[in-house]
C-alpha cells in the first residue's frame, strides 16, 4: 500500500458542500487535498452539450429506450436526458441493495451533483430548527437560526442569489442580486392568494442563478443568467452556482489546493493512541491500487449515502461498528422530501399575454401549516411551488395540418396551463436507514449499501392536505379542470429521486442520541467533520443545499480556529 504526502485538511467529495470546504480552507492558507471519486470536469471545457441545439442530438435530446432500460430509475430524474447523461452514473458503477425501493442518484465527477441541482436556495428559520423538539418527532437541533444567519449571508454574497425581500418569518430573506419575474397568470394567482389569505404568500423562487450580478461574482469570472434553462448541461456563463464555476476555481487560485480524481475513499483511519483520525485509505478506480493520505482534519462531503457508507466502513478495534458509532445510530433516521403530490389545471383568459425566455425558477408559497401550531392530521410542514405556462407551439399545432396551415398555427402558443407541486417534510424515523451488506461487495471490494427507506402514513396525510389547499387556491384564482396526481401511484416515483436524502450521521446535543456536535464534529472523534446532507437532524420543508453550504463554511472556520489554537 502506497503512502502519500501529508496535508492540513482532507476534503472527501467535490460537490456543493465539498467545494465550499476547500474554498474556506485554502483562502486561509491551509494545504488542502480534495479527493473526488469520479473524473475531472473543468468549467466550460468539459460541458460538451452546453451549446448543442436540439436537432443536433441523435434522439433530439430525449431519453431513449436504452436509458429507460439501463437506468430505469435515475433516468426519471428531472435533469436526465441525452444532453446530460454523461453527468450521471449507472448502477453497475456502484451496486447497492434496495431492501425497499430507493432511487440513488449519483454524480461522480468534480462538481458532483452541483452540476445537476435545481438551484433553489431558501434559508431555514427557527421554525425548522425548533420543530423536531417542539413537535416531538426528532432530537433537538444543537443550533438555531442566529447561529446560521451570518453564514447564510456569507455564502449568499459569494454565490449570488436571485430573489426578493419578502419578510416571511419562516423563510428569512436572503442576500440577493436581483430577481426573476412572475408572468401575468402567476401574478394573478399570487394576487388572489394575497387577497384571500393572511397566513400565506406567493413569492418568486429564490435560486442560485444570477438574475443580477455584483463584484463578488464578476471576480469569479461569472456572468448573468441568459434564461436558457439548460443549466444541467453545465453553464458556460457561470450564471448558476456550481463547484466547477465558483468555489473550486477560487480555491485553485490560492495555490493551496491539490485535487485527485478517480479515487474512492474506502475508510477514515483512526489512531487509538491519539484518539483522532489520521487520514483516509483510498482505492484508485482504474488500477485498484490502495493508498493512504494523512491530514490533521478530515471533512466528509461525499454526499449523504456515501458519507454514511464511508463511516460505517471505517472500522477499528475501538469502533467495530463504524467510526464514532458507539450508540449504533449511524445510518439511522435517513429522511428526504415528499414530492408525491402534483396538481395540474387550465387557466382561461390571458390569451394575449406572453412571456420571454425560460426562467430557471418557479413561484413558491412558503409553508403555512404546522408553523405556529400543529395540525391534528399530520406532523411536519410543506411548501408549494407552481408555474404557469402556455402549451408548446409544436405540440398544439402538429395535428393542425400541413403547409400554410401548419405555419400559421406555429404563430400562436396554446392555452395557459398550471403545474403545482408540493415539497413535504418527511419525519425522521429509526426504521428508515442504510446499512452495510455483511456479504456482498461492489466491484471495488466495498460492502454494498443496503437502503431501507419508505414513505409513511404521515406523508400520505400531508399529500392529501396539499391536494385540498392547492385545489382551493387555484379554484379561487379562476383555474379550471383541476386534477390531482399521486406520482408514486401513477409513475412509481420512489424516495431518492428528488436527491434530497439527508441524515444518518445527525447532529445533536447528546452523544447518546446523535453522532455530531453543534459544529459538525463527530462526538467521539473530534477531527472528523461531516457537513453534507448526512449531518442533518431533520429535513424541514425548504431545499437543503443552502444550509449544507452554510454549515460547511461555519464548520470549516471553526476547525481552522481550533487548529490555530492548537486544540486540533
Protein backbone atom coordinates (compact mmCIF):
# COMPACT_ATOMS: atom_id res chain seq x y z
CA UNK A 1 0.00 0.00 0.00
CA UNK A 2 1.39 3.39 -1.03
CA UNK A 3 1.71 6.33 1.32
CA UNK A 4 1.32 9.88 0.00
CA UNK A 5 2.44 13.20 1.49
CA UNK A 6 0.54 14.78 4.36
CA UNK A 7 -1.92 17.70 4.22
CA UNK A 8 -3.51 20.03 6.72
CA UNK A 9 -7.01 19.11 5.54
CA UNK A 10 -8.55 16.31 3.52
CA UNK A 11 -11.95 17.01 1.94
CA UNK A 12 -13.80 14.00 0.56
CA UNK A 13 -16.16 14.93 -2.27
CA UNK A 14 -16.22 17.94 -4.58
CA UNK A 15 -19.95 18.68 -4.73
CA UNK A 16 -21.78 21.64 -3.32
CA UNK A 17 -20.50 21.28 0.27
CA UNK A 18 -17.04 19.91 -0.58
CA UNK A 19 -16.45 22.89 -2.87
CA UNK A 20 -17.25 25.25 -0.02
CA UNK A 21 -14.94 23.40 2.35
CA UNK A 22 -11.92 23.75 0.05
CA UNK A 23 -12.75 27.39 -0.69
CA UNK A 24 -12.74 28.25 3.03
CA UNK A 25 -9.63 26.24 3.94
CA UNK A 26 -7.43 27.36 1.08
CA UNK A 27 -8.44 31.00 1.46
CA UNK A 28 -6.96 30.97 4.96
CA UNK A 29 -3.75 29.26 3.82
CA UNK A 30 -4.34 25.62 4.74
CA UNK A 31 -2.87 22.99 2.44
CA UNK A 32 -5.92 21.07 1.33
CA UNK A 33 -6.40 17.79 -0.53
CA UNK A 34 -9.69 17.33 -2.39
CA UNK A 35 -10.46 13.70 -3.19
CA UNK A 36 -13.08 13.03 -5.87
CA UNK A 37 -14.38 9.58 -6.68
CA UNK A 38 -15.16 10.45 -10.30
CA UNK A 39 -13.44 12.08 -13.24
CA UNK A 40 -12.19 15.62 -13.73
CA UNK A 41 -14.73 18.12 -15.08
CA UNK A 42 -13.34 21.57 -15.79
CA UNK A 43 -15.63 24.55 -16.07
CA UNK A 44 -16.69 25.28 -19.67
CA UNK A 45 -14.22 22.94 -21.43
CA UNK A 46 -15.92 19.81 -20.07
CA UNK A 47 -19.52 20.81 -20.82
CA UNK A 48 -19.83 19.01 -24.18
CA UNK A 49 -23.51 19.79 -24.82
CA UNK A 50 -23.70 23.34 -23.46
CA UNK A 51 -24.16 24.89 -26.90
CA UNK A 52 -25.73 21.93 -28.72
CA UNK A 53 -29.08 22.60 -30.36
CA UNK A 54 -31.93 20.12 -30.01
CA UNK A 55 -31.77 18.98 -33.66
CA UNK A 56 -28.06 18.17 -33.33
CA UNK A 57 -28.72 15.29 -30.92
CA UNK A 58 -29.32 11.88 -32.44
CA UNK A 59 -32.51 11.49 -30.42
CA UNK A 60 -33.37 15.20 -30.22
CA UNK A 61 -32.17 15.30 -26.61
CA UNK A 62 -34.78 12.84 -25.35
CA UNK A 63 -34.45 9.81 -23.10
CA UNK A 64 -34.04 6.65 -25.15
CA UNK A 65 -35.30 3.11 -24.60
CA UNK A 66 -31.76 2.16 -23.64
CA UNK A 67 -31.77 4.89 -20.98
CA UNK A 68 -35.01 3.59 -19.56
CA UNK A 69 -33.68 0.02 -19.54
CA UNK A 70 -30.15 0.57 -18.19
CA UNK A 71 -31.10 3.45 -15.91
CA UNK A 72 -34.72 2.67 -15.18
CA UNK A 73 -34.96 4.89 -12.12
CA UNK A 74 -32.34 7.62 -12.44
CA UNK A 75 -33.48 8.35 -15.99
CA UNK A 76 -36.64 9.77 -14.36
CA UNK A 77 -34.62 12.46 -12.60
CA UNK A 78 -35.77 15.87 -13.80
CA UNK A 79 -32.38 16.75 -15.36
CA UNK A 80 -31.62 13.41 -17.05
CA UNK A 81 -31.62 13.44 -20.85
CA UNK A 82 -29.49 12.67 -23.87
CA UNK A 83 -27.83 16.04 -23.20
CA UNK A 84 -26.85 15.30 -19.57
CA UNK A 85 -26.44 11.54 -19.14
CA UNK A 86 -22.64 11.96 -19.00
CA UNK A 87 -23.08 13.62 -15.58
CA UNK A 88 -24.84 10.55 -14.11
CA UNK A 89 -23.56 7.07 -13.32
CA UNK A 90 -25.19 3.72 -13.96
CA UNK A 91 -25.99 1.40 -11.08
CA UNK A 92 -23.31 -1.08 -12.13
CA UNK A 93 -20.67 1.54 -11.30
CA UNK A 94 -21.58 1.08 -7.64
CA UNK A 95 -24.07 -1.65 -6.91
CA UNK A 96 -26.37 -1.28 -3.94
CA UNK A 97 -29.20 -3.31 -2.46
CA UNK A 98 -32.71 -1.87 -2.32
CA UNK A 99 -34.41 -3.56 0.61
CA UNK A 100 -37.12 -1.00 -0.11
CA UNK A 101 -37.16 0.82 -3.47
CA UNK A 102 -34.83 3.83 -3.39
CA UNK A 103 -33.52 5.74 -6.39
CA UNK A 104 -29.93 6.64 -5.55
CA UNK A 105 -28.97 9.43 -7.96
CA UNK A 106 -25.20 9.99 -8.08
CA UNK A 107 -22.90 12.29 -10.00
CA UNK A 108 -19.33 11.03 -9.87
CA UNK A 109 -17.23 13.87 -11.25
CA UNK A 110 -15.57 17.02 -10.00
CA UNK A 111 -18.50 19.18 -9.06
CA UNK A 112 -20.68 16.18 -8.21
CA UNK A 113 -24.39 16.93 -8.27
CA UNK A 114 -23.77 20.69 -8.09
CA UNK A 115 -23.93 20.37 -11.90
CA UNK A 116 -27.41 18.86 -11.66
CA UNK A 117 -29.20 20.58 -8.77
CA UNK A 118 -32.35 22.68 -9.23
CA UNK A 119 -30.60 25.66 -7.53
CA UNK A 120 -33.40 26.61 -5.12
CA UNK A 121 -31.92 28.40 -2.11
CA UNK A 122 -34.17 29.14 0.85
CA UNK A 123 -32.90 29.83 4.35
CA UNK A 124 -34.13 27.82 7.30
CA UNK A 125 -35.61 29.64 10.29
CA UNK A 126 -36.08 28.78 13.94
CA UNK A 127 -39.38 27.20 12.98
CA UNK A 128 -37.36 24.45 11.29
CA UNK A 129 -34.57 24.22 13.85
CA UNK A 130 -37.01 24.07 16.79
CA UNK A 131 -39.80 21.97 15.24
CA UNK A 132 -38.34 18.48 15.96
CA UNK A 133 -38.18 19.22 19.69
CA UNK A 134 -41.36 21.30 19.80
CA UNK A 135 -43.48 18.74 17.98
CA UNK A 136 -41.56 15.70 19.29
CA UNK A 137 -40.54 13.93 16.13
CA UNK A 138 -36.71 14.04 16.38
CA UNK A 139 -33.91 15.03 18.72
CA UNK A 140 -33.30 18.72 19.19
CA UNK A 141 -31.03 20.52 16.74
CA UNK A 142 -27.93 21.81 18.58
CA UNK A 143 -28.09 25.10 16.65
CA UNK A 144 -30.60 27.85 15.95
CA UNK A 145 -31.13 30.46 13.25
CA UNK A 146 -28.92 33.01 15.00
CA UNK A 147 -26.02 30.55 14.69
CA UNK A 148 -26.62 30.20 10.97
CA UNK A 149 -27.71 33.68 9.86
CA UNK A 150 -24.19 35.14 9.38
CA UNK A 151 -23.09 32.02 7.49
CA UNK A 152 -26.13 32.11 5.23
CA UNK A 153 -25.20 35.70 4.40
CA UNK A 154 -21.54 34.73 3.89
CA UNK A 155 -22.49 32.03 1.38
CA UNK A 156 -25.17 34.07 -0.38
CA UNK A 157 -22.90 37.04 -1.05
CA UNK A 158 -20.39 34.78 -2.78
CA UNK A 159 -22.90 32.60 -4.65
CA UNK A 160 -25.29 35.32 -5.82
CA UNK A 161 -28.95 34.56 -5.08
CA UNK A 162 -31.87 35.70 -7.22
CA UNK A 163 -34.96 36.64 -5.25
CA UNK A 164 -36.93 39.33 -3.45
CA UNK A 165 -37.13 40.55 0.14
CA UNK A 166 -40.43 39.09 1.30
CA UNK A 167 -40.48 39.44 5.10
CA UNK A 168 -41.71 35.89 5.77
CA UNK A 169 -40.73 34.73 9.31
CA UNK A 170 -40.34 31.04 8.47
CA UNK A 171 -38.38 31.74 5.28
CA UNK A 172 -35.95 34.53 6.20
CA UNK A 173 -34.81 36.92 3.48
CA UNK A 174 -31.64 36.13 1.54
CA UNK A 175 -28.89 38.46 0.38
CA UNK A 176 -29.96 38.88 -3.26
CA UNK A 177 -28.65 40.14 -6.60
CA UNK A 178 -31.90 40.91 -8.43
CA UNK A 179 -34.86 38.68 -9.16
CA UNK A 180 -36.72 36.91 -11.91
CA UNK A 181 -40.34 37.91 -12.56
CA UNK A 182 -43.68 36.17 -12.43
CA UNK A 183 -45.66 36.05 -15.64
CA UNK A 184 -49.14 37.58 -15.71
CA UNK A 185 -51.04 34.41 -14.85
CA UNK A 186 -48.73 33.64 -11.93
CA UNK A 187 -49.14 37.20 -10.70
CA UNK A 188 -52.92 36.83 -10.94
CA UNK A 189 -52.79 33.71 -8.76
CA UNK A 190 -50.41 35.42 -6.31
CA UNK A 191 -52.77 38.40 -6.06
CA UNK A 192 -55.72 36.11 -5.42
CA UNK A 193 -53.85 34.36 -2.61
CA UNK A 194 -52.84 37.70 -1.05
CA UNK A 195 -56.46 38.90 -1.09
CA UNK A 196 -57.96 35.76 0.42
CA UNK A 197 -55.39 34.50 2.94
CA UNK A 198 -53.49 36.13 5.79
CA UNK A 199 -51.27 33.12 6.54
CA UNK A 200 -49.63 32.60 3.15
CA UNK A 201 -47.95 34.48 0.34
CA UNK A 202 -46.77 33.56 -3.18
CA UNK A 203 -43.25 34.76 -4.00
CA UNK A 204 -40.85 34.34 -6.88
CA UNK A 205 -38.45 31.47 -6.19
CA UNK A 206 -35.06 32.22 -4.70
CA UNK A 207 -32.39 30.50 -6.73
CA UNK A 208 -28.63 30.40 -7.33
CA UNK A 209 -28.88 31.89 -10.83
CA UNK A 210 -27.52 35.38 -11.40
CA UNK A 211 -30.59 37.45 -12.26
CA UNK A 212 -28.24 40.32 -11.44
CA UNK A 213 -24.54 40.36 -10.71
CA UNK A 214 -22.21 42.02 -8.22
CA UNK A 215 -18.46 42.44 -7.92
CA UNK A 216 -18.02 39.19 -5.99
CA UNK A 217 -19.42 37.14 -8.87
CA UNK A 218 -17.63 39.18 -11.54
CA UNK A 219 -14.35 38.49 -9.74
CA UNK A 220 -15.07 34.76 -10.11
CA UNK A 221 -15.38 35.16 -13.89
CA UNK A 222 -19.13 34.58 -13.89
CA UNK A 223 -21.84 36.45 -15.81
CA UNK A 224 -25.59 36.97 -15.73
CA UNK A 225 -28.18 34.28 -16.42
CA UNK A 226 -29.34 34.08 -20.03
CA UNK A 227 -32.60 32.28 -19.10
CA UNK A 228 -31.82 29.36 -21.42
CA UNK A 229 -32.92 26.76 -18.84
CA UNK A 230 -30.07 24.47 -19.95
CA UNK A 231 -28.38 24.68 -16.55
CA UNK A 232 -27.90 20.94 -16.04
CA UNK A 233 -25.69 20.71 -19.15
CA UNK A 234 -23.12 22.87 -17.35
CA UNK A 235 -23.44 26.63 -17.63
CA UNK A 236 -20.66 28.14 -19.78
CA UNK A 237 -21.56 31.59 -18.44
CA UNK A 238 -21.11 30.55 -14.82
CA UNK A 239 -24.53 32.10 -14.29
CA UNK A 240 -25.69 29.37 -11.98
CA UNK A 241 -23.62 28.38 -9.00
CA UNK A 242 -21.66 25.13 -9.10
CA UNK A 243 -18.43 23.98 -7.51
CA UNK A 244 -16.93 23.91 -11.01
CA UNK A 245 -17.71 27.53 -11.87
CA UNK A 246 -17.12 29.11 -8.48
CA UNK A 247 -15.64 27.62 -5.30
CA UNK A 248 -13.13 25.16 -6.77
CA UNK A 249 -11.53 27.60 -9.27
CA UNK A 250 -11.41 30.15 -6.44
CA UNK A 251 -9.59 27.65 -4.22
CA UNK A 252 -7.19 26.68 -7.02
CA UNK A 253 -6.08 30.29 -7.42
CA UNK A 254 -4.73 30.29 -3.85
CA UNK A 255 -2.11 27.65 -4.69
CA UNK A 256 -3.18 25.69 -1.61
CA UNK A 257 -5.38 23.10 -3.29
CA UNK A 258 -4.47 19.64 -4.58
CA UNK A 259 -7.14 17.65 -6.42
CA UNK A 260 -7.03 13.94 -7.08
CA UNK A 261 -9.76 12.27 -9.12
CA UNK A 262 -10.89 8.70 -9.87
CA UNK A 263 -10.20 7.86 -6.23
CA UNK A 264 -12.61 6.23 -3.79
CA UNK A 265 -12.27 6.88 -0.07
CA UNK A 266 -12.67 3.45 1.44
CA UNK A 267 -12.44 4.46 5.10
CA UNK A 268 -11.24 7.03 7.61
CA UNK A 269 -8.23 5.81 9.58
CA UNK A 270 -8.33 6.09 13.38
CA UNK A 271 -5.39 6.14 15.80
CA UNK A 272 -6.09 4.56 19.20
CA UNK A 273 -3.30 6.48 20.92
CA UNK A 274 -4.26 9.99 19.87
CA UNK A 275 -7.98 9.16 19.70
CA UNK A 276 -8.14 11.04 16.42
CA UNK A 277 -8.36 10.28 12.74
CA UNK A 278 -5.01 10.33 10.95
CA UNK A 279 -6.25 10.35 7.35
CA UNK A 280 -8.04 8.19 4.81
CA UNK A 281 -7.46 4.99 2.88
CA UNK A 282 -8.31 5.17 -0.83
CA UNK A 283 -8.78 2.97 -3.89
CA UNK A 284 -7.80 4.07 -7.40
CA UNK A 285 -10.84 3.32 -9.58
CA UNK A 286 -8.68 2.48 -12.60
CA UNK A 287 -5.85 0.45 -11.09
CA UNK A 288 -7.47 -0.70 -7.80
CA UNK A 289 -4.25 0.36 -6.04
CA UNK A 290 -4.78 1.41 -2.42
CA UNK A 291 -3.14 4.48 -0.89
CA UNK A 292 -3.17 6.29 2.41
CA UNK A 293 -3.37 10.08 2.67
CA UNK A 294 -2.79 11.76 6.03
CA UNK A 295 -4.03 15.04 7.46
CA UNK A 296 -4.86 16.85 10.68
CA UNK A 297 -8.54 17.15 9.85
CA UNK A 298 -10.93 15.17 7.63
CA UNK A 299 -14.10 16.68 6.15
CA UNK A 300 -16.64 14.22 4.74
CA UNK A 301 -18.67 15.71 1.89
CA UNK A 302 -19.16 12.61 -0.24
CA UNK A 303 -22.98 13.06 -0.34
CA UNK A 304 -25.38 11.67 2.24
CA UNK A 305 -25.34 7.95 1.48
CA UNK A 306 -21.67 7.72 0.59
CA UNK A 307 -20.63 9.57 3.74
CA UNK A 308 -22.68 7.06 5.73
CA UNK A 309 -21.03 4.22 3.82
CA UNK A 310 -17.52 5.54 4.47
CA UNK A 311 -18.07 5.99 8.21
CA UNK A 312 -19.82 2.62 8.63
CA UNK A 313 -16.88 1.04 6.81
CA UNK A 314 -14.31 2.88 8.98
CA UNK A 315 -13.93 0.05 11.47
CA UNK A 316 -11.21 -0.39 14.07
CA UNK A 317 -10.68 -2.14 17.39
CA UNK A 318 -12.10 0.95 19.09
CA UNK A 319 -15.01 1.33 16.67
CA UNK A 320 -16.06 -2.11 15.39
CA UNK A 321 -19.39 -0.75 14.10
CA UNK A 322 -18.05 2.30 12.31
CA UNK A 323 -16.16 5.42 13.33
CA UNK A 324 -17.90 7.20 16.21
CA UNK A 325 -20.80 4.75 16.18
CA UNK A 326 -20.92 3.64 19.82
CA UNK A 327 -24.66 4.33 20.06
CA UNK A 328 -25.45 2.27 16.96
CA UNK A 329 -27.42 5.11 15.34
CA UNK A 330 -25.18 5.67 12.34
CA UNK A 331 -27.17 5.15 9.16
CA UNK A 332 -30.46 5.64 11.01
CA UNK A 333 -33.05 8.40 10.57
CA UNK A 334 -32.49 8.81 6.84
CA UNK A 335 -35.09 11.22 5.55
CA UNK A 336 -36.00 13.00 2.33
CA UNK A 337 -38.59 15.30 0.76
CA UNK A 338 -42.08 14.18 -0.19
CA UNK A 339 -42.77 15.13 -3.82
CA UNK A 340 -45.65 12.73 -4.34
CA UNK A 341 -48.38 15.30 -4.81
CA UNK A 342 -48.88 17.26 -8.04
CA UNK A 343 -51.81 19.35 -9.26
CA UNK A 344 -52.46 20.44 -12.84
CA UNK A 345 -55.08 22.85 -14.16
CA UNK A 346 -56.16 25.01 -17.06
CA UNK A 347 -56.30 28.78 -16.70
CA UNK A 348 -58.72 30.53 -19.07
CA UNK A 349 -58.09 34.03 -20.36
CA UNK A 350 -54.80 35.88 -20.84
CA UNK A 351 -54.53 34.63 -24.42
CA UNK A 352 -52.88 37.92 -25.35
CA UNK A 353 -50.23 37.54 -22.61
CA UNK A 354 -46.79 36.14 -23.37
CA UNK A 355 -43.50 35.61 -21.58
CA UNK A 356 -39.92 35.56 -22.80
CA UNK A 357 -37.03 33.28 -22.03
CA UNK A 358 -37.03 30.19 -19.85
CA UNK A 359 -36.83 31.39 -16.28
CA UNK A 360 -34.84 29.00 -14.03
CA UNK A 361 -37.24 29.06 -11.06
CA UNK A 362 -40.92 28.82 -10.10
CA UNK A 363 -43.32 30.66 -7.82
CA UNK A 364 -43.21 29.46 -4.22
CA UNK A 365 -45.73 29.52 -1.38
CA UNK A 366 -43.68 29.10 1.83
CA UNK A 367 -45.03 26.66 4.41
CA UNK A 368 -48.16 27.76 6.27
CA UNK A 369 -49.18 24.53 8.01
CA UNK A 370 -47.62 23.37 11.31
CA UNK A 371 -45.69 26.58 11.73
CA UNK A 372 -47.38 28.22 14.73
CA UNK A 373 -49.43 25.22 15.82
CA UNK A 374 -49.52 21.54 14.98
CA UNK A 375 -52.26 20.13 12.76
CA UNK A 376 -54.45 17.32 14.01
CA UNK A 377 -53.94 15.20 10.90
CA UNK A 378 -50.20 15.26 10.20
CA UNK A 379 -46.84 16.47 11.53
CA UNK A 380 -44.20 18.40 9.64
CA UNK A 381 -44.68 21.11 7.04
CA UNK A 382 -44.70 21.52 3.27
CA UNK A 383 -44.13 24.31 0.81
CA UNK A 384 -45.79 24.66 -2.58
CA UNK A 385 -44.24 25.59 -5.92
CA UNK A 386 -46.14 26.36 -9.11
CA UNK A 387 -45.66 27.71 -12.60
CA UNK A 388 -47.96 28.95 -15.34
CA UNK A 389 -47.04 28.30 -18.96
CA UNK A 390 -48.53 28.13 -22.42
CA UNK A 391 -48.66 24.85 -24.27
CA UNK A 392 -45.91 24.20 -26.80
CA UNK A 393 -46.39 25.71 -30.23
CA UNK A 394 -45.42 22.42 -31.91
CA UNK A 395 -47.49 20.18 -29.65
CA UNK A 396 -50.51 22.39 -30.18
CA UNK A 397 -50.02 22.54 -33.95
CA UNK A 398 -48.70 19.22 -35.14
CA UNK A 399 -52.20 17.83 -35.73
CA UNK A 400 -53.44 21.02 -37.36
CA UNK A 401 -52.48 20.24 -40.93
CA UNK A 402 -49.52 20.84 -43.19
CA UNK A 403 -48.07 23.64 -45.30
CA UNK A 404 -49.55 27.09 -44.76
CA UNK A 405 -51.97 25.91 -42.05
CA UNK A 406 -49.12 24.34 -40.11
CA UNK A 407 -47.05 27.52 -40.36
CA UNK A 408 -49.96 29.73 -39.31
CA UNK A 409 -50.58 27.57 -36.26
CA UNK A 410 -46.97 27.99 -35.19
CA UNK A 411 -47.53 31.71 -34.75
CA UNK A 412 -49.58 31.30 -31.55
CA UNK A 413 -48.99 29.15 -28.47
CA UNK A 414 -51.68 27.07 -26.84
CA UNK A 415 -53.77 27.82 -23.76
CA UNK A 416 -52.40 28.59 -20.30
CA UNK A 417 -51.67 25.63 -18.03
CA UNK A 418 -50.77 25.40 -14.34
CA UNK A 419 -48.45 22.86 -12.73
CA UNK A 420 -48.26 22.83 -8.93
CA UNK A 421 -46.14 20.60 -6.69
CA UNK A 422 -45.52 20.00 -3.01
CA UNK A 423 -42.21 19.68 -1.19
CA UNK A 424 -43.06 18.00 2.08
CA UNK A 425 -41.08 17.28 5.21
CA UNK A 426 -40.62 13.55 5.80
CA UNK A 427 -40.23 12.90 9.51
CA UNK A 428 -37.05 11.18 10.74
CA UNK A 429 -37.73 7.53 11.56
CA UNK A 430 -35.43 4.95 13.15
CA UNK A 431 -36.68 2.39 10.63
CA UNK A 432 -35.63 4.48 7.62
CA UNK A 433 -31.98 3.58 7.40
CA UNK A 434 -28.97 2.37 5.43
CA UNK A 435 -26.52 -0.31 6.49
CA UNK A 436 -23.65 -2.32 5.03
CA UNK A 437 -24.22 -5.72 3.49
CA UNK A 438 -22.40 -8.39 5.52
CA UNK A 439 -21.53 -10.47 2.47
CA UNK A 440 -21.98 -8.58 -0.82
CA UNK A 441 -19.38 -6.19 -2.18
CA UNK A 442 -19.22 -3.96 -5.25
CA UNK A 443 -16.59 -4.23 -7.98
CA UNK A 444 -14.12 -2.23 -5.87
CA UNK A 445 -14.45 -4.55 -2.89
CA UNK A 446 -16.55 -2.10 -0.86
CA UNK A 447 -19.50 -3.51 1.08
CA UNK A 448 -22.70 -2.82 -0.82
CA UNK A 449 -25.00 -0.33 0.84
CA UNK A 450 -28.47 -1.56 1.76
CA UNK A 451 -31.20 1.09 1.53
CA UNK A 452 -34.35 0.63 3.62
CA UNK A 453 -36.29 3.87 3.25
CA UNK A 454 -40.00 4.36 2.64
CA UNK A 455 -42.98 6.71 2.83
CA UNK A 456 -45.22 6.75 5.89
CA UNK A 457 -48.89 7.34 6.66
CA UNK A 458 -47.92 10.88 7.69
CA UNK A 459 -46.63 11.53 4.16
CA UNK A 460 -49.95 10.43 2.70
CA UNK A 461 -51.95 12.68 5.02
CA UNK A 462 -49.69 15.62 4.18
CA UNK A 463 -50.22 14.98 0.46
CA UNK A 464 -53.99 14.96 0.94
CA UNK A 465 -53.77 18.29 2.74
CA UNK A 466 -51.75 19.71 -0.15
CA UNK A 467 -54.40 18.50 -2.61
CA UNK A 468 -57.11 20.24 -0.56
CA UNK A 469 -55.26 23.55 -0.09
CA UNK A 470 -53.75 23.69 -3.58
CA UNK A 471 -57.06 22.91 -5.29
CA UNK A 472 -58.83 25.59 -3.25
CA UNK A 473 -56.25 28.28 -4.03
CA UNK A 474 -56.30 27.53 -7.77
CA UNK A 475 -60.06 27.39 -7.95
CA UNK A 476 -60.44 30.72 -6.16
CA UNK A 477 -57.96 32.27 -8.60
CA UNK A 478 -60.01 31.11 -11.59
CA UNK A 479 -58.36 27.85 -12.64
CA UNK A 480 -60.46 25.14 -14.27
CA UNK A 481 -60.22 21.39 -14.87
CA UNK A 482 -58.13 20.96 -11.71
CA UNK A 483 -56.60 17.47 -11.39
CA UNK A 484 -54.63 15.89 -8.55
CA UNK A 485 -51.97 13.24 -9.05
CA UNK A 486 -50.13 10.90 -6.67
CA UNK A 487 -46.86 10.47 -8.56
CA UNK A 488 -45.91 7.39 -6.55
CA UNK A 489 -49.04 5.51 -7.59
CA UNK A 490 -49.09 6.69 -11.21
CA UNK A 491 -45.40 6.92 -12.10
CA UNK A 492 -43.81 4.78 -9.38
CA UNK A 493 -41.85 7.73 -8.01
CA UNK A 494 -39.70 6.36 -5.16
CA UNK A 495 -37.77 8.03 -2.34
CA UNK A 496 -34.40 9.24 -3.55
CA UNK A 497 -35.38 10.61 -6.93
CA UNK A 498 -35.68 14.13 -5.52
CA UNK A 499 -31.96 13.89 -4.50
CA UNK A 500 -32.73 15.47 -1.12
CA UNK A 501 -31.91 12.49 1.07
CA UNK A 502 -30.31 13.50 4.39
CA UNK A 503 -29.43 12.05 7.78
CA UNK A 504 -27.69 9.00 9.15
CA UNK A 505 -24.95 10.97 10.92
CA UNK A 506 -27.19 13.51 12.60
CA UNK A 507 -26.23 16.49 14.73
CA UNK A 508 -27.40 16.78 18.32
CA UNK A 509 -26.53 17.83 21.85
CA UNK A 510 -26.36 14.35 23.36
CA UNK A 511 -23.74 11.78 22.21
CA UNK A 512 -26.17 9.04 23.21
CA UNK A 513 -28.74 10.12 20.62
CA UNK A 514 -26.65 11.78 17.91
CA UNK A 515 -23.30 11.44 16.12
CA UNK A 516 -22.17 15.05 15.58
CA UNK A 517 -21.94 18.12 17.80
CA UNK A 518 -23.06 21.67 17.01
CA UNK A 519 -20.00 22.25 14.81
CA UNK A 520 -20.44 19.03 12.81
CA UNK A 521 -17.62 17.18 14.60
CA UNK A 522 -18.02 13.53 15.46
CA UNK A 523 -18.69 13.41 19.19
CA UNK A 524 -16.17 10.59 19.57
CA UNK A 525 -13.55 11.69 17.02
CA UNK A 526 -13.28 15.45 17.07
CA UNK A 527 -11.10 15.97 13.98
CA UNK A 528 -13.64 14.35 11.64
CA UNK A 529 -16.39 16.66 10.38
CA UNK A 530 -19.46 15.77 8.33
CA UNK A 531 -21.13 18.73 6.61
CA UNK A 532 -23.05 17.26 3.69
CA UNK A 533 -26.63 16.03 3.93
CA UNK A 534 -25.66 13.18 6.27
CA UNK A 535 -25.34 15.66 9.15
CA UNK A 536 -28.96 16.81 9.08
CA UNK A 537 -31.19 16.11 12.08
CA UNK A 538 -34.38 16.75 10.11
CA UNK A 539 -35.21 17.81 6.55
CA UNK A 540 -37.60 20.75 7.06
CA UNK A 541 -39.59 21.78 4.01
CA UNK A 542 -37.10 24.09 2.28
CA UNK A 543 -34.49 22.99 -0.23
CA UNK A 544 -31.44 21.86 1.75
CA UNK A 545 -28.41 22.89 -0.35
CA UNK A 546 -28.02 26.43 1.01
CA UNK A 547 -27.99 25.01 4.54
CA UNK A 548 -25.33 22.43 3.55
CA UNK A 549 -23.12 25.24 2.25
CA UNK A 550 -23.63 27.46 5.31
CA UNK A 551 -22.99 24.58 7.73
CA UNK A 552 -19.81 23.73 5.82
CA UNK A 553 -18.44 27.28 5.91
CA UNK A 554 -19.25 27.54 9.60
CA UNK A 555 -17.65 24.19 10.47
CA UNK A 556 -14.54 24.84 8.35
CA UNK A 557 -13.85 28.14 10.06
CA UNK A 558 -14.39 26.53 13.46
CA UNK A 559 -11.91 23.78 12.55
CA UNK A 560 -9.31 26.32 11.44
CA UNK A 561 -9.74 28.30 14.65
CA UNK A 562 -9.19 25.12 16.69
CA UNK A 563 -6.06 24.27 14.70
CA UNK A 564 -4.62 27.73 15.22
CA UNK A 565 -5.41 27.47 18.94
CA UNK A 566 -3.64 24.07 18.90
CA UNK A 567 -6.80 22.31 20.02
CA UNK A 568 -6.91 20.04 16.96
